[in-house]
Amino acid sequence: MSFFALLKKQSVIVLMVALWIPAVGSGINVLWKYSTTPGKAATPPAQWPGDAPVARADGRATLVMFAHPQCPCTSASVGELAIIMAHHSSGLDADVYFYAPKNKPEGWVKNDLWKMAAAIPGVRVFEDHEAAAAQSFGAFTSGQVLLYDSQGSLEFNGGITAFRGHSGDNAGRTVITSLLQDGAPRRNDLPVRTPVLGCSLRGE
């Protein structure tokens, strides 16, 4: 290969690398923004709502989660719920409401994510027809978790993943675990809020 041909080849490689690096950087930035941008925050009532579809058990804390059955991010939230229940199911009721629009077949709602939630000991799962339960609790984003104490007062409002669709240590799970510990003093900053990293709850 001649000197000029080699120089031309090297120039092409340099140009390709120069174009590739910004493209990769842009892609990483897009992914990072997607992973860390929260959904719409909930506006839940400070006390357990009287129109809730399921009655709250007296003397026990109650956790509710709202999920879109087709949201790929929410499997991580359900996995985090399993960890919480593994340590606190004896003193905690947990209900997961899956968005169920009227124009979708049963299999659209009762899919693998539904089965994953239903398999967690101590968790009850429900179809949330036309997001009626979500509306009564002011929830808008899949993966939204609310924790009410044994007296029906709101203690936690937020998500239980650090990134969209990623399991692992996160502020939401840490806060809930702390609130559920026996003998833990009542915090002055309640309810604690964390961002919810998931899909729109009512999106189809």
N, C-alpha and C. Protein backbone atom coordinates (compact mmCIF):
# COMPACT_ATOMS: atom_id res chain seq x y z
N MET A 1 0.85 -1.19 0.00
CA MET A 1 0.00 0.00 0.00
C MET A 1 0.89 1.25 0.00
N SER A 2 0.57 2.17 -0.88
CA SER A 2 1.37 3.37 -0.99
C SER A 2 1.17 4.27 0.23
N PHE A 3 2.10 5.22 0.37
CA PHE A 3 2.03 6.14 1.50
C PHE A 3 0.73 6.94 1.45
N PHE A 4 0.33 7.40 0.26
CA PHE A 4 -0.86 8.23 0.13
C PHE A 4 -2.13 7.43 0.40
N ALA A 5 -2.14 6.16 -0.03
CA ALA A 5 -3.30 5.30 0.24
C ALA A 5 -3.45 5.04 1.73
N LEU A 6 -2.31 4.80 2.40
CA LEU A 6 -2.31 4.58 3.84
C LEU A 6 -2.79 5.82 4.58
N LEU A 7 -2.32 6.99 4.12
CA LEU A 7 -2.72 8.24 4.75
C LEU A 7 -4.22 8.47 4.58
N LYS A 8 -4.73 8.14 3.39
CA LYS A 8 -6.15 8.30 3.12
C LYS A 8 -6.98 7.38 4.03
N LYS A 9 -6.52 6.14 4.20
CA LYS A 9 -7.23 5.18 5.04
C LYS A 9 -7.26 5.65 6.49
N GLN A 10 -6.11 6.15 6.97
CA GLN A 10 -6.04 6.63 8.33
C GLN A 10 -6.94 7.85 8.54
N SER A 11 -7.03 8.69 7.52
CA SER A 11 -7.88 9.87 7.61
C SER A 11 -9.35 9.48 7.74
N VAL A 12 -9.73 8.43 6.96
CA VAL A 12 -11.10 7.94 7.02
C VAL A 12 -11.41 7.40 8.41
N ILE A 13 -10.46 6.65 8.99
CA ILE A 13 -10.65 6.09 10.34
C ILE A 13 -10.80 7.20 11.37
N VAL A 14 -9.94 8.19 11.29
CA VAL A 14 -10.00 9.31 12.22
C VAL A 14 -11.35 10.02 12.12
N LEU A 15 -11.82 10.21 10.87
CA LEU A 15 -13.11 10.87 10.67
C LEU A 15 -14.25 10.05 11.27
N MET A 16 -14.19 8.73 11.06
CA MET A 16 -15.24 7.86 11.58
C MET A 16 -15.26 7.90 13.11
N VAL A 17 -14.09 7.88 13.71
CA VAL A 17 -14.01 7.94 15.18
C VAL A 17 -14.53 9.27 15.70
N ALA A 18 -14.17 10.34 14.96
CA ALA A 18 -14.61 11.68 15.36
C ALA A 18 -16.13 11.81 15.32
N LEU A 19 -16.76 11.10 14.37
CA LEU A 19 -18.21 11.12 14.28
C LEU A 19 -18.85 10.17 15.28
N TRP A 20 -18.18 9.06 15.56
CA TRP A 20 -18.74 8.02 16.43
C TRP A 20 -18.79 8.45 17.89
N ILE A 21 -17.76 9.13 18.36
CA ILE A 21 -17.70 9.51 19.77
C ILE A 21 -18.85 10.42 20.17
N PRO A 22 -19.15 11.49 19.43
CA PRO A 22 -20.31 12.32 19.81
C PRO A 22 -21.63 11.55 19.74
N ALA A 23 -21.75 10.63 18.76
CA ALA A 23 -22.99 9.86 18.64
C ALA A 23 -23.19 8.97 19.86
N VAL A 24 -22.11 8.32 20.33
CA VAL A 24 -22.19 7.48 21.52
C VAL A 24 -22.53 8.33 22.74
N GLY A 25 -21.86 9.49 22.84
CA GLY A 25 -22.13 10.38 23.96
C GLY A 25 -23.57 10.85 23.99
N SER A 26 -24.11 11.15 22.81
CA SER A 26 -25.50 11.58 22.72
C SER A 26 -26.44 10.46 23.13
N GLY A 27 -26.12 9.24 22.68
CA GLY A 27 -26.96 8.09 23.03
C GLY A 27 -26.96 7.83 24.52
N ILE A 28 -25.80 7.92 25.15
CA ILE A 28 -25.70 7.72 26.60
C ILE A 28 -26.50 8.79 27.33
N ASN A 29 -26.42 10.01 26.85
CA ASN A 29 -27.16 11.10 27.48
C ASN A 29 -28.67 10.87 27.39
N VAL A 30 -29.13 10.39 26.24
CA VAL A 30 -30.56 10.11 26.07
C VAL A 30 -31.01 9.01 27.02
N LEU A 31 -30.20 7.94 27.11
CA LEU A 31 -30.54 6.83 28.00
C LEU A 31 -30.55 7.27 29.45
N TRP A 32 -29.58 8.07 29.84
CA TRP A 32 -29.50 8.55 31.22
C TRP A 32 -30.71 9.41 31.56
N LYS A 33 -31.06 10.29 30.63
CA LYS A 33 -32.22 11.15 30.87
C LYS A 33 -33.48 10.32 31.00
N TYR A 34 -33.63 9.31 30.14
CA TYR A 34 -34.80 8.43 30.20
C TYR A 34 -34.84 7.69 31.54
N SER A 35 -33.69 7.20 32.01
CA SER A 35 -33.63 6.39 33.23
C SER A 35 -33.90 7.20 34.48
N THR A 36 -33.65 8.50 34.43
CA THR A 36 -33.73 9.31 35.65
C THR A 36 -34.85 10.34 35.64
N THR A 37 -35.62 10.41 34.56
CA THR A 37 -36.72 11.38 34.51
C THR A 37 -37.97 10.78 35.14
N PRO A 38 -38.45 11.37 36.23
CA PRO A 38 -39.62 10.80 36.91
C PRO A 38 -40.91 11.05 36.16
N GLY A 39 -41.90 10.23 36.47
CA GLY A 39 -43.23 10.44 35.94
C GLY A 39 -43.97 11.47 36.78
N LYS A 40 -45.21 11.69 36.46
CA LYS A 40 -46.02 12.67 37.19
C LYS A 40 -46.20 12.23 38.63
N ALA A 41 -45.96 13.13 39.56
CA ALA A 41 -46.06 12.81 40.98
C ALA A 41 -47.53 12.62 41.38
N ALA A 42 -47.74 11.75 42.34
CA ALA A 42 -49.09 11.49 42.83
C ALA A 42 -49.55 12.61 43.76
N THR A 43 -50.86 12.70 43.90
CA THR A 43 -51.47 13.66 44.84
C THR A 43 -52.41 12.87 45.76
N PRO A 44 -51.86 12.01 46.61
CA PRO A 44 -52.70 11.14 47.43
C PRO A 44 -53.32 11.86 48.62
N PRO A 45 -54.42 11.35 49.12
CA PRO A 45 -55.02 11.94 50.33
C PRO A 45 -54.15 11.63 51.55
N ALA A 46 -54.15 12.55 52.50
CA ALA A 46 -53.34 12.38 53.70
C ALA A 46 -53.87 11.26 54.58
N GLN A 47 -55.15 10.95 54.46
CA GLN A 47 -55.76 9.84 55.18
C GLN A 47 -56.34 8.85 54.18
N TRP A 48 -56.39 7.59 54.56
CA TRP A 48 -56.93 6.54 53.69
C TRP A 48 -58.28 6.96 53.16
N PRO A 49 -58.47 6.97 51.84
CA PRO A 49 -59.72 7.48 51.26
C PRO A 49 -60.92 6.58 51.54
N GLY A 50 -62.04 7.22 51.80
CA GLY A 50 -63.24 6.46 52.08
C GLY A 50 -63.76 5.70 50.88
N ASP A 51 -63.40 6.15 49.66
CA ASP A 51 -63.87 5.47 48.45
C ASP A 51 -62.86 4.47 47.91
N ALA A 52 -61.88 4.09 48.73
CA ALA A 52 -60.89 3.09 48.30
C ALA A 52 -61.60 1.78 47.99
N PRO A 53 -61.16 1.06 46.95
CA PRO A 53 -61.86 -0.17 46.55
C PRO A 53 -61.72 -1.31 47.57
N VAL A 54 -60.73 -1.24 48.45
CA VAL A 54 -60.52 -2.27 49.46
C VAL A 54 -60.40 -1.59 50.82
N ALA A 55 -61.05 -2.14 51.81
CA ALA A 55 -60.99 -1.57 53.15
C ALA A 55 -59.62 -1.81 53.77
N ARG A 56 -59.17 -0.87 54.56
CA ARG A 56 -57.89 -1.00 55.26
C ARG A 56 -58.11 -1.76 56.57
N ALA A 57 -57.20 -2.68 56.86
CA ALA A 57 -57.28 -3.45 58.10
C ALA A 57 -56.82 -2.59 59.27
N ASP A 58 -57.62 -2.53 60.32
CA ASP A 58 -57.24 -1.76 61.50
C ASP A 58 -56.01 -2.36 62.17
N GLY A 59 -55.12 -1.49 62.63
CA GLY A 59 -53.96 -1.93 63.37
C GLY A 59 -52.81 -2.43 62.53
N ARG A 60 -52.90 -2.31 61.21
CA ARG A 60 -51.83 -2.76 60.33
C ARG A 60 -51.52 -1.67 59.29
N ALA A 61 -50.26 -1.55 58.96
CA ALA A 61 -49.88 -0.64 57.88
C ALA A 61 -50.35 -1.23 56.55
N THR A 62 -50.60 -0.36 55.60
CA THR A 62 -51.07 -0.79 54.29
C THR A 62 -50.25 -0.12 53.19
N LEU A 63 -49.72 -0.92 52.30
CA LEU A 63 -48.97 -0.43 51.14
C LEU A 63 -49.79 -0.68 49.89
N VAL A 64 -49.90 0.32 49.04
CA VAL A 64 -50.57 0.14 47.76
C VAL A 64 -49.60 0.54 46.64
N MET A 65 -49.60 -0.26 45.60
CA MET A 65 -48.80 0.03 44.41
C MET A 65 -49.73 0.05 43.20
N PHE A 66 -49.45 0.97 42.28
CA PHE A 66 -50.22 1.06 41.04
C PHE A 66 -49.31 0.73 39.88
N ALA A 67 -49.79 -0.15 38.99
CA ALA A 67 -48.92 -0.65 37.93
C ALA A 67 -49.65 -0.68 36.59
N HIS A 68 -48.90 -0.35 35.56
CA HIS A 68 -49.38 -0.55 34.19
C HIS A 68 -48.84 -1.91 33.74
N PRO A 69 -49.71 -2.84 33.35
CA PRO A 69 -49.25 -4.20 33.05
C PRO A 69 -48.29 -4.30 31.88
N GLN A 70 -48.25 -3.29 31.01
CA GLN A 70 -47.37 -3.33 29.86
C GLN A 70 -46.13 -2.45 30.03
N CYS A 71 -45.91 -1.92 31.22
CA CYS A 71 -44.75 -1.06 31.46
C CYS A 71 -43.53 -1.92 31.79
N PRO A 72 -42.49 -1.91 30.95
CA PRO A 72 -41.31 -2.75 31.20
C PRO A 72 -40.52 -2.30 32.43
N CYS A 73 -40.70 -1.05 32.83
CA CYS A 73 -39.96 -0.53 34.00
C CYS A 73 -40.49 -1.11 35.30
N THR A 74 -41.77 -1.50 35.32
CA THR A 74 -42.43 -1.81 36.57
C THR A 74 -42.01 -3.15 37.17
N SER A 75 -41.43 -4.03 36.38
CA SER A 75 -40.96 -5.30 36.95
C SER A 75 -39.93 -5.06 38.04
N ALA A 76 -39.12 -4.01 37.89
CA ALA A 76 -38.13 -3.69 38.92
C ALA A 76 -38.83 -3.24 40.20
N SER A 77 -39.90 -2.47 40.08
CA SER A 77 -40.66 -2.04 41.26
C SER A 77 -41.29 -3.23 41.97
N VAL A 78 -41.83 -4.17 41.19
CA VAL A 78 -42.42 -5.37 41.79
C VAL A 78 -41.34 -6.20 42.49
N GLY A 79 -40.16 -6.25 41.90
CA GLY A 79 -39.05 -6.95 42.54
C GLY A 79 -38.67 -6.31 43.86
N GLU A 80 -38.68 -4.98 43.92
CA GLU A 80 -38.38 -4.28 45.17
C GLU A 80 -39.48 -4.52 46.21
N LEU A 81 -40.72 -4.60 45.75
CA LEU A 81 -41.82 -4.91 46.65
C LEU A 81 -41.62 -6.28 47.28
N ALA A 82 -41.15 -7.23 46.50
CA ALA A 82 -40.89 -8.58 47.02
C ALA A 82 -39.87 -8.53 48.16
N ILE A 83 -38.86 -7.69 48.01
CA ILE A 83 -37.84 -7.57 49.06
C ILE A 83 -38.46 -6.98 50.32
N ILE A 84 -39.29 -5.95 50.17
CA ILE A 84 -39.96 -5.35 51.33
C ILE A 84 -40.83 -6.37 52.05
N MET A 85 -41.61 -7.13 51.28
CA MET A 85 -42.52 -8.08 51.88
C MET A 85 -41.78 -9.24 52.53
N ALA A 86 -40.62 -9.58 52.02
CA ALA A 86 -39.84 -10.67 52.62
C ALA A 86 -39.43 -10.36 54.05
N HIS A 87 -39.35 -9.07 54.37
CA HIS A 87 -38.91 -8.67 55.71
C HIS A 87 -40.04 -8.15 56.59
N HIS A 88 -41.18 -7.75 55.99
CA HIS A 88 -42.19 -7.06 56.78
C HIS A 88 -43.62 -7.56 56.55
N SER A 89 -43.81 -8.70 55.94
CA SER A 89 -45.16 -9.14 55.60
C SER A 89 -46.01 -9.41 56.84
N SER A 90 -45.40 -9.70 57.97
CA SER A 90 -46.17 -10.02 59.17
C SER A 90 -46.95 -8.82 59.70
N GLY A 91 -46.48 -7.61 59.40
CA GLY A 91 -47.16 -6.43 59.90
C GLY A 91 -47.61 -5.48 58.82
N LEU A 92 -47.72 -5.99 57.60
CA LEU A 92 -48.01 -5.12 56.46
C LEU A 92 -48.96 -5.78 55.48
N ASP A 93 -50.00 -5.06 55.10
CA ASP A 93 -50.86 -5.50 53.99
C ASP A 93 -50.38 -4.79 52.73
N ALA A 94 -50.34 -5.50 51.62
CA ALA A 94 -49.87 -4.90 50.37
C ALA A 94 -50.80 -5.28 49.23
N ASP A 95 -51.24 -4.27 48.48
CA ASP A 95 -52.13 -4.47 47.35
C ASP A 95 -51.53 -3.82 46.10
N VAL A 96 -51.58 -4.53 44.99
CA VAL A 96 -51.11 -3.99 43.72
C VAL A 96 -52.29 -3.90 42.77
N TYR A 97 -52.50 -2.71 42.21
CA TYR A 97 -53.61 -2.46 41.30
C TYR A 97 -53.07 -2.31 39.88
N PHE A 98 -53.52 -3.19 38.99
CA PHE A 98 -53.09 -3.15 37.60
C PHE A 98 -54.14 -2.46 36.74
N TYR A 99 -53.67 -1.44 36.04
CA TYR A 99 -54.55 -0.70 35.14
C TYR A 99 -55.22 -1.65 34.15
N ALA A 100 -56.55 -1.57 34.05
CA ALA A 100 -57.32 -2.47 33.18
C ALA A 100 -58.34 -1.68 32.38
N PRO A 101 -57.96 -1.18 31.20
CA PRO A 101 -58.94 -0.48 30.35
C PRO A 101 -59.97 -1.45 29.80
N LYS A 102 -61.15 -0.96 29.51
CA LYS A 102 -62.25 -1.84 29.14
C LYS A 102 -62.08 -2.48 27.77
N ASN A 103 -61.21 -1.90 26.93
CA ASN A 103 -61.09 -2.41 25.56
C ASN A 103 -59.94 -3.40 25.38
N LYS A 104 -59.38 -3.90 26.48
CA LYS A 104 -58.26 -4.82 26.40
C LYS A 104 -58.67 -6.20 26.91
N PRO A 105 -58.13 -7.29 26.30
CA PRO A 105 -58.46 -8.64 26.77
C PRO A 105 -57.82 -8.93 28.12
N GLU A 106 -58.30 -9.97 28.77
CA GLU A 106 -57.83 -10.32 30.11
C GLU A 106 -56.33 -10.59 30.13
N GLY A 107 -55.82 -11.21 29.06
CA GLY A 107 -54.40 -11.53 29.00
C GLY A 107 -53.51 -10.30 28.93
N TRP A 108 -54.06 -9.18 28.49
CA TRP A 108 -53.30 -7.93 28.43
C TRP A 108 -52.97 -7.45 29.84
N VAL A 109 -53.89 -7.70 30.77
CA VAL A 109 -53.71 -7.29 32.16
C VAL A 109 -53.02 -8.39 32.97
N LYS A 110 -53.53 -9.61 32.89
CA LYS A 110 -53.01 -10.71 33.71
C LYS A 110 -51.87 -11.42 32.98
N ASN A 111 -50.79 -10.69 32.82
CA ASN A 111 -49.63 -11.20 32.10
C ASN A 111 -48.54 -11.62 33.08
N ASP A 112 -47.29 -11.70 32.62
CA ASP A 112 -46.20 -12.15 33.48
C ASP A 112 -45.96 -11.20 34.66
N LEU A 113 -46.15 -9.90 34.43
CA LEU A 113 -45.96 -8.94 35.51
C LEU A 113 -47.00 -9.16 36.60
N TRP A 114 -48.23 -9.39 36.19
CA TRP A 114 -49.30 -9.71 37.15
C TRP A 114 -48.93 -10.96 37.94
N LYS A 115 -48.49 -12.00 37.26
CA LYS A 115 -48.13 -13.25 37.93
C LYS A 115 -46.96 -13.06 38.88
N MET A 116 -46.04 -12.20 38.50
CA MET A 116 -44.88 -11.91 39.35
C MET A 116 -45.33 -11.26 40.66
N ALA A 117 -46.25 -10.31 40.56
CA ALA A 117 -46.76 -9.64 41.76
C ALA A 117 -47.60 -10.60 42.60
N ALA A 118 -48.44 -11.40 41.94
CA ALA A 118 -49.32 -12.32 42.65
C ALA A 118 -48.54 -13.40 43.39
N ALA A 119 -47.34 -13.69 42.94
CA ALA A 119 -46.53 -14.75 43.56
C ALA A 119 -45.83 -14.30 44.85
N ILE A 120 -45.87 -13.01 45.14
CA ILE A 120 -45.21 -12.50 46.35
C ILE A 120 -46.09 -12.81 47.55
N PRO A 121 -45.58 -13.53 48.53
CA PRO A 121 -46.39 -13.85 49.72
C PRO A 121 -46.88 -12.59 50.42
N GLY A 122 -48.18 -12.57 50.71
CA GLY A 122 -48.76 -11.43 51.41
C GLY A 122 -49.26 -10.33 50.51
N VAL A 123 -49.11 -10.45 49.20
CA VAL A 123 -49.54 -9.42 48.26
C VAL A 123 -50.83 -9.85 47.56
N ARG A 124 -51.79 -8.93 47.50
CA ARG A 124 -53.00 -9.16 46.74
C ARG A 124 -52.97 -8.30 45.48
N VAL A 125 -53.44 -8.84 44.38
CA VAL A 125 -53.45 -8.10 43.12
C VAL A 125 -54.89 -7.92 42.64
N PHE A 126 -55.14 -6.77 42.03
CA PHE A 126 -56.48 -6.43 41.58
C PHE A 126 -56.43 -5.78 40.20
N GLU A 127 -57.48 -5.99 39.43
CA GLU A 127 -57.65 -5.23 38.19
C GLU A 127 -58.22 -3.86 38.56
N ASP A 128 -57.58 -2.84 38.06
CA ASP A 128 -58.04 -1.47 38.32
C ASP A 128 -58.77 -0.97 37.08
N HIS A 129 -60.06 -1.26 37.01
CA HIS A 129 -60.85 -0.94 35.83
C HIS A 129 -60.93 0.56 35.60
N GLU A 130 -60.47 0.96 34.42
CA GLU A 130 -60.46 2.37 34.01
C GLU A 130 -59.73 3.24 35.03
N ALA A 131 -58.76 2.65 35.73
CA ALA A 131 -57.90 3.38 36.69
C ALA A 131 -58.70 4.04 37.80
N ALA A 132 -59.80 3.41 38.20
CA ALA A 132 -60.65 4.00 39.25
C ALA A 132 -59.92 4.08 40.58
N ALA A 133 -59.19 3.03 40.95
CA ALA A 133 -58.45 3.04 42.22
C ALA A 133 -57.33 4.06 42.17
N ALA A 134 -56.63 4.10 41.03
CA ALA A 134 -55.55 5.07 40.88
C ALA A 134 -56.07 6.50 41.05
N GLN A 135 -57.23 6.77 40.51
CA GLN A 135 -57.81 8.10 40.63
C GLN A 135 -58.17 8.42 42.07
N SER A 136 -58.69 7.44 42.81
CA SER A 136 -59.07 7.70 44.20
C SER A 136 -57.85 7.98 45.07
N PHE A 137 -56.69 7.46 44.66
CA PHE A 137 -55.46 7.70 45.40
C PHE A 137 -54.57 8.76 44.75
N GLY A 138 -55.01 9.35 43.66
CA GLY A 138 -54.24 10.40 43.00
C GLY A 138 -52.96 9.92 42.36
N ALA A 139 -52.95 8.70 41.82
CA ALA A 139 -51.74 8.12 41.22
C ALA A 139 -51.76 8.29 39.71
N PHE A 140 -50.59 8.57 39.14
CA PHE A 140 -50.50 8.82 37.69
C PHE A 140 -49.42 7.99 37.00
N THR A 141 -48.48 7.42 37.75
CA THR A 141 -47.30 6.78 37.16
C THR A 141 -47.18 5.33 37.62
N SER A 142 -46.88 4.45 36.70
CA SER A 142 -46.71 3.04 37.03
C SER A 142 -45.51 2.87 37.96
N GLY A 143 -45.71 2.10 39.02
CA GLY A 143 -44.68 1.94 40.03
C GLY A 143 -44.91 2.82 41.24
N GLN A 144 -45.97 3.63 41.21
CA GLN A 144 -46.30 4.51 42.34
C GLN A 144 -46.63 3.67 43.57
N VAL A 145 -46.01 4.01 44.68
CA VAL A 145 -46.23 3.31 45.95
C VAL A 145 -46.68 4.32 47.00
N LEU A 146 -47.67 3.93 47.78
CA LEU A 146 -48.14 4.72 48.92
C LEU A 146 -48.14 3.82 50.14
N LEU A 147 -47.68 4.34 51.25
CA LEU A 147 -47.69 3.59 52.50
C LEU A 147 -48.50 4.36 53.54
N TYR A 148 -49.54 3.72 54.05
CA TYR A 148 -50.36 4.29 55.11
C TYR A 148 -50.10 3.52 56.40
N ASP A 149 -49.98 4.24 57.51
CA ASP A 149 -49.67 3.57 58.78
C ASP A 149 -50.91 2.87 59.34
N SER A 150 -50.78 2.30 60.53
CA SER A 150 -51.85 1.50 61.12
C SER A 150 -53.08 2.34 61.47
N GLN A 151 -52.92 3.67 61.48
CA GLN A 151 -54.05 4.55 61.75
C GLN A 151 -54.62 5.16 60.46
N GLY A 152 -54.06 4.78 59.32
CA GLY A 152 -54.56 5.28 58.05
C GLY A 152 -53.97 6.59 57.61
N SER A 153 -52.83 7.00 58.21
CA SER A 153 -52.17 8.25 57.82
C SER A 153 -51.07 7.97 56.80
N LEU A 154 -50.97 8.82 55.79
CA LEU A 154 -49.98 8.65 54.74
C LEU A 154 -48.57 8.89 55.28
N GLU A 155 -47.68 7.91 55.06
CA GLU A 155 -46.30 8.03 55.51
C GLU A 155 -45.30 8.11 54.36
N PHE A 156 -45.63 7.50 53.24
CA PHE A 156 -44.69 7.48 52.11
C PHE A 156 -45.45 7.63 50.81
N ASN A 157 -44.87 8.41 49.90
CA ASN A 157 -45.46 8.68 48.59
C ASN A 157 -44.33 8.73 47.57
N GLY A 158 -44.19 7.68 46.75
CA GLY A 158 -43.12 7.73 45.77
C GLY A 158 -42.83 6.39 45.10
N GLY A 159 -41.63 6.30 44.57
CA GLY A 159 -41.19 5.10 43.87
C GLY A 159 -40.17 4.33 44.70
N ILE A 160 -39.94 3.08 44.31
CA ILE A 160 -39.00 2.23 45.04
C ILE A 160 -37.92 1.67 44.12
N THR A 161 -37.54 2.46 43.11
CA THR A 161 -36.36 2.15 42.30
C THR A 161 -35.53 3.42 42.15
N ALA A 162 -34.22 3.23 42.02
CA ALA A 162 -33.32 4.38 41.86
C ALA A 162 -33.28 4.87 40.42
N PHE A 163 -33.51 3.95 39.48
CA PHE A 163 -33.52 4.28 38.07
C PHE A 163 -34.69 3.56 37.42
N ARG A 164 -35.10 4.03 36.28
CA ARG A 164 -36.22 3.41 35.56
C ARG A 164 -35.86 1.98 35.15
N GLY A 165 -36.61 1.01 35.67
CA GLY A 165 -36.42 -0.38 35.28
C GLY A 165 -35.22 -1.07 35.89
N HIS A 166 -34.61 -0.48 36.92
CA HIS A 166 -33.41 -1.08 37.52
C HIS A 166 -33.64 -1.36 39.00
N SER A 167 -33.42 -2.61 39.40
CA SER A 167 -33.52 -2.99 40.80
C SER A 167 -32.22 -2.65 41.52
N GLY A 168 -32.28 -2.63 42.85
CA GLY A 168 -31.10 -2.34 43.65
C GLY A 168 -31.43 -1.38 44.77
N ASP A 169 -30.45 -1.12 45.61
CA ASP A 169 -30.66 -0.20 46.73
C ASP A 169 -31.23 1.13 46.25
N ASN A 170 -32.20 1.63 46.98
CA ASN A 170 -32.82 2.89 46.58
C ASN A 170 -33.45 3.56 47.79
N ALA A 171 -33.66 4.86 47.69
CA ALA A 171 -34.16 5.64 48.82
C ALA A 171 -35.56 5.22 49.23
N GLY A 172 -36.42 4.89 48.25
CA GLY A 172 -37.78 4.52 48.57
C GLY A 172 -37.86 3.28 49.45
N ARG A 173 -37.17 2.23 49.04
CA ARG A 173 -37.19 1.00 49.83
C ARG A 173 -36.59 1.23 51.21
N THR A 174 -35.51 2.01 51.27
CA THR A 174 -34.87 2.29 52.55
C THR A 174 -35.82 3.01 53.50
N VAL A 175 -36.55 4.00 52.98
CA VAL A 175 -37.49 4.76 53.81
C VAL A 175 -38.61 3.85 54.32
N ILE A 176 -39.20 3.06 53.43
CA ILE A 176 -40.30 2.19 53.82
C ILE A 176 -39.84 1.19 54.87
N THR A 177 -38.68 0.60 54.67
CA THR A 177 -38.14 -0.35 55.64
C THR A 177 -37.96 0.31 57.00
N SER A 178 -37.46 1.54 57.00
CA SER A 178 -37.27 2.27 58.24
C SER A 178 -38.59 2.54 58.94
N LEU A 179 -39.60 2.94 58.16
CA LEU A 179 -40.91 3.25 58.74
C LEU A 179 -41.59 2.02 59.32
N LEU A 180 -41.30 0.85 58.76
CA LEU A 180 -41.97 -0.38 59.19
C LEU A 180 -41.24 -1.09 60.33
N GLN A 181 -40.07 -0.64 60.68
CA GLN A 181 -39.33 -1.29 61.75
C GLN A 181 -40.04 -1.10 63.09
N ASP A 182 -40.10 -2.19 63.86
CA ASP A 182 -40.73 -2.13 65.17
C ASP A 182 -39.98 -1.15 66.07
N GLY A 183 -40.73 -0.27 66.69
CA GLY A 183 -40.13 0.67 67.62
C GLY A 183 -39.50 1.88 66.98
N ALA A 184 -39.58 1.99 65.65
CA ALA A 184 -38.99 3.15 64.98
C ALA A 184 -39.77 4.40 65.36
N PRO A 185 -39.10 5.49 65.77
CA PRO A 185 -39.81 6.71 66.13
C PRO A 185 -40.48 7.33 64.91
N ARG A 186 -41.62 7.95 65.13
CA ARG A 186 -42.34 8.59 64.03
C ARG A 186 -41.56 9.80 63.54
N ARG A 187 -41.36 9.88 62.24
CA ARG A 187 -40.59 10.97 61.66
C ARG A 187 -41.41 12.24 61.59
N ASN A 188 -40.70 13.37 61.60
CA ASN A 188 -41.36 14.66 61.55
C ASN A 188 -41.57 15.15 60.11
N ASP A 189 -40.93 14.47 59.15
CA ASP A 189 -41.01 14.94 57.77
C ASP A 189 -41.99 14.12 56.93
N LEU A 190 -42.94 13.46 57.59
CA LEU A 190 -43.88 12.62 56.85
C LEU A 190 -44.94 13.46 56.16
N PRO A 191 -45.45 13.02 55.00
CA PRO A 191 -44.99 11.83 54.29
C PRO A 191 -43.68 12.07 53.55
N VAL A 192 -42.84 11.04 53.49
CA VAL A 192 -41.60 11.11 52.73
C VAL A 192 -41.93 10.91 51.26
N ARG A 193 -41.27 11.68 50.40
CA ARG A 193 -41.54 11.60 48.95
C ARG A 193 -40.26 11.23 48.20
N THR A 194 -40.40 10.36 47.21
CA THR A 194 -39.32 10.03 46.30
C THR A 194 -39.90 10.03 44.88
N PRO A 195 -39.08 10.24 43.86
CA PRO A 195 -39.59 10.24 42.48
C PRO A 195 -40.02 8.85 42.04
N VAL A 196 -41.02 8.80 41.18
CA VAL A 196 -41.51 7.53 40.62
C VAL A 196 -41.00 7.44 39.19
N LEU A 197 -40.20 6.42 38.92
CA LEU A 197 -39.56 6.27 37.61
C LEU A 197 -40.26 5.16 36.83
N GLY A 198 -41.30 5.53 36.12
CA GLY A 198 -42.07 4.53 35.38
C GLY A 198 -42.87 5.18 34.27
N CYS A 199 -43.67 4.36 33.59
CA CYS A 199 -44.48 4.82 32.47
C CYS A 199 -45.76 5.48 32.98
N SER A 200 -46.42 6.20 32.10
CA SER A 200 -47.71 6.78 32.43
C SER A 200 -48.68 5.67 32.76
N LEU A 201 -49.38 5.80 33.86
CA LEU A 201 -50.26 4.73 34.34
C LEU A 201 -51.44 4.48 33.42
N ARG A 202 -51.91 5.54 32.78
CA ARG A 202 -53.11 5.40 31.95
C ARG A 202 -52.79 5.31 30.46
N GLY A 203 -51.51 5.23 30.14
CA GLY A 203 -51.15 5.08 28.73
C GLY A 203 -51.46 3.68 28.26
N GLU A 204 -51.89 3.56 27.01
CA GLU A 204 -52.22 2.25 26.45
C GLU A 204 -51.31 1.90 25.28
